[in-house]
Protein backbone atom coordinates (compact mmCIF):
# COMPACT_ATOMS: atom_id res chain seq x y z
CA MET A 1 -55.16 -37.67 -27.91
CA ASN A 2 -58.54 -36.90 -29.40
CA GLU A 3 -57.76 -33.19 -29.08
CA GLN A 4 -54.61 -33.58 -31.18
CA LYS A 5 -56.53 -35.25 -33.97
CA ASP A 6 -59.07 -32.48 -33.91
CA ILE A 7 -56.34 -29.82 -34.18
CA LEU A 8 -54.66 -31.57 -37.08
CA SER A 9 -57.89 -32.09 -38.95
CA SER A 10 -58.89 -28.46 -38.49
CA CYS A 11 -55.51 -27.13 -39.69
CA ALA A 12 -55.15 -29.45 -42.66
CA GLY A 13 -58.38 -28.55 -44.30
CA SER A 14 -59.86 -30.47 -47.12
CA GLY A 15 -58.50 -28.64 -50.16
CA ASN A 16 -55.06 -28.17 -51.74
CA PRO A 17 -53.34 -25.12 -50.22
CA PHE A 18 -51.06 -24.58 -53.25
CA LYS A 19 -52.44 -22.69 -56.25
CA THR A 20 -50.88 -21.02 -59.26
CA PRO A 21 -51.61 -17.37 -59.87
CA GLU A 22 -54.21 -16.45 -62.47
CA ALA A 23 -52.86 -16.39 -66.07
CA TYR A 24 -49.38 -17.53 -64.94
CA PHE A 25 -48.77 -19.95 -67.79
CA GLU A 26 -50.10 -17.58 -70.48
CA GLY A 27 -47.17 -15.12 -70.17
CA LEU A 28 -44.49 -17.65 -69.11
CA GLU A 29 -42.96 -18.15 -72.56
CA ASP A 30 -42.56 -14.41 -73.19
CA ARG A 31 -40.96 -13.84 -69.79
CA LEU A 32 -38.44 -16.69 -70.30
CA LEU A 33 -37.46 -15.48 -73.79
CA SER A 34 -36.90 -11.94 -72.53
CA ARG A 35 -34.64 -13.20 -69.70
CA ILE A 36 -32.60 -15.34 -72.11
CA ALA A 37 -32.16 -12.42 -74.50
CA ALA A 38 -31.02 -10.19 -71.64
CA GLU A 39 -28.40 -12.73 -70.55
CA GLU A 40 -27.05 -13.18 -74.10
CA GLN A 41 -26.36 -9.47 -74.55
CA PRO A 42 -22.67 -8.62 -74.12
CA ALA A 43 -21.77 -7.14 -70.78
CA THR A 44 -20.89 -3.48 -70.75
CA PRO A 45 -17.13 -2.98 -70.58
CA ALA A 46 -15.69 -1.70 -67.34
CA ARG A 47 -15.04 1.99 -67.25
CA HIS A 48 -11.50 1.61 -65.86
CA PRO A 49 -9.93 -1.71 -66.87
CA ALA A 50 -6.46 -0.50 -65.82
CA TRP A 51 -7.68 0.04 -62.27
CA ARG A 52 -8.69 -3.64 -62.06
CA ILE A 53 -5.07 -4.60 -62.83
CA ILE A 54 -3.35 -1.97 -60.68
CA LYS A 55 -5.51 -2.42 -57.57
CA PRO A 56 -4.08 -5.84 -56.47
CA ALA A 57 -0.51 -4.65 -57.08
CA LEU A 58 -1.09 -1.55 -54.96
CA THR A 59 -2.63 -3.65 -52.21
CA LEU A 60 0.40 -5.94 -52.21
CA ALA A 61 2.81 -3.01 -52.09
CA ALA A 62 0.87 -1.46 -49.21
CA MET A 63 1.04 -4.70 -47.24
CA PHE A 64 4.80 -4.96 -47.74
CA ALA A 65 5.20 -1.35 -46.61
CA LEU A 66 3.11 -2.05 -43.53
CA ILE A 67 5.15 -5.14 -42.60
CA PHE A 68 8.43 -3.29 -43.17
CA GLY A 69 7.21 -0.38 -41.06
CA MET A 70 6.23 -2.68 -38.22
CA GLY A 71 9.64 -4.36 -38.27
CA TYR A 72 11.40 -1.01 -38.31
CA GLY A 73 9.28 0.16 -35.40
CA VAL A 74 10.13 -2.90 -33.32
CA LEU A 75 13.84 -2.53 -34.03
CA SER A 76 13.84 1.16 -33.17
CA LEU A 77 11.87 0.60 -29.96
CA THR A 78 14.27 -2.12 -28.78
CA HIS A 79 17.32 -0.01 -29.72
CA THR A 80 18.77 -2.77 -31.89
CA LEU A 81 18.60 -0.80 -35.13
CA GLY A 82 22.19 0.48 -35.11
CA ARG A 83 23.83 -2.67 -33.84
CA GLY A 84 25.07 -5.13 -36.39
CA VAL A 85 25.20 -8.87 -36.15
CA GLY A 86 28.98 -8.82 -35.79
CA SER A 87 28.95 -6.70 -32.65
CA ALA A 88 26.59 -9.09 -30.87
CA ALA A 89 28.78 -12.05 -31.85
CA GLU A 90 31.90 -10.24 -30.59
CA GLU A 91 30.18 -9.43 -27.28
CA TYR A 92 29.19 -13.06 -26.87
CA ALA A 93 32.71 -14.31 -27.67
CA SER A 94 34.34 -11.94 -25.18
CA ALA A 95 31.84 -12.92 -22.47
CA GLU A 96 32.43 -16.58 -23.24
CA GLU A 97 36.20 -16.25 -22.89
CA ALA A 98 35.90 -14.33 -19.65
CA LEU A 99 33.32 -16.52 -17.92
CA ILE A 100 34.18 -20.07 -18.93
CA ARG A 101 36.81 -21.73 -16.76
CA PRO A 102 39.55 -23.88 -18.24
CA VAL A 103 38.34 -27.44 -18.74
CA SER A 104 41.58 -29.31 -19.12
CA LEU A 105 44.79 -29.48 -17.15
CA ILE A 106 46.73 -27.87 -20.02
CA ASP A 107 44.33 -24.92 -20.12
CA TYR A 108 44.65 -24.65 -16.36
CA TYR A 109 48.44 -24.38 -16.61
CA GLN A 110 48.28 -21.90 -19.50
CA ALA A 111 45.83 -19.70 -17.60
CA ASP A 112 48.14 -19.75 -14.56
CA GLU A 113 51.21 -18.92 -16.68
CA SER A 114 49.57 -15.82 -18.06
CA GLU A 115 48.72 -14.49 -14.59
CA GLU A 116 51.67 -15.50 -12.47
CA THR A 117 53.94 -18.50 -12.67
CA SER A 118 54.01 -20.34 -9.40
CA GLU A 119 55.03 -23.79 -8.35
CA LEU A 120 52.28 -26.31 -8.27
CA ASP A 121 52.64 -28.53 -5.24
CA GLU A 122 51.55 -32.13 -5.19
CA GLU A 123 48.55 -31.55 -2.93
CA THR A 124 47.03 -28.96 -5.30
CA LEU A 125 47.55 -31.26 -8.27
CA VAL A 126 45.93 -34.22 -6.50
CA SER A 127 42.93 -32.14 -5.37
CA TYR A 128 42.47 -30.75 -8.89
CA LEU A 129 42.61 -34.23 -10.45
CA ALA A 130 40.24 -35.61 -7.84
CA SER A 131 37.69 -32.86 -8.50
CA GLU A 132 37.89 -33.03 -12.29
CA LEU A 133 38.32 -36.75 -13.01
CA SER A 134 36.28 -39.77 -12.06
CA PHE A 135 37.66 -42.61 -9.98
CA ALA A 136 37.94 -44.84 -13.07
CA ASP A 137 39.94 -42.17 -14.94
CA LEU A 138 42.31 -41.77 -11.96
CA ALA A 139 42.78 -45.54 -11.79
CA ASP A 140 43.65 -45.64 -15.51
CA ILE A 141 46.22 -42.82 -15.11
CA TYR A 142 47.73 -44.56 -12.10
CA ALA A 143 47.96 -47.88 -13.96
CA GLN A 144 49.54 -46.29 -17.04
CA THR A 145 52.08 -44.38 -14.95
CA TYR A 146 53.32 -47.36 -13.00
CA GLN A 147 53.18 -49.84 -15.90
CA GLU A 148 55.69 -47.77 -17.87
CA LYS A 149 58.26 -47.91 -15.07
């Protein structure tokens, strides 16, 4: 602990470490007035004022061209450039018609009529209704059928 006090007392010294340079305040007023006069002088006009206006517009146009070029490149690499939106929608609609099975009994009959008309026996009808309808729906159909008679 005594060593620390000795180090601090030797570093601190006895005098003020901050001093002003010789004759600093004698020329201070002249230096300040010359700086103020230099700041009040009008700035020299730019050599090309039109370039300052055109430069941001050219930068913006270049960015749009870059974005457009990137989009065009992606479309040409994925081979979707020539296809229109309508052709994709038509492909989807044709695939939808071909792959989705009829969901109602009427659609089931219409699909069968277009292929080949055949008699629908009672066992096929019962198995179709059992697979497509819940037990509660079958009970309602049964109740409605026999209540009318």
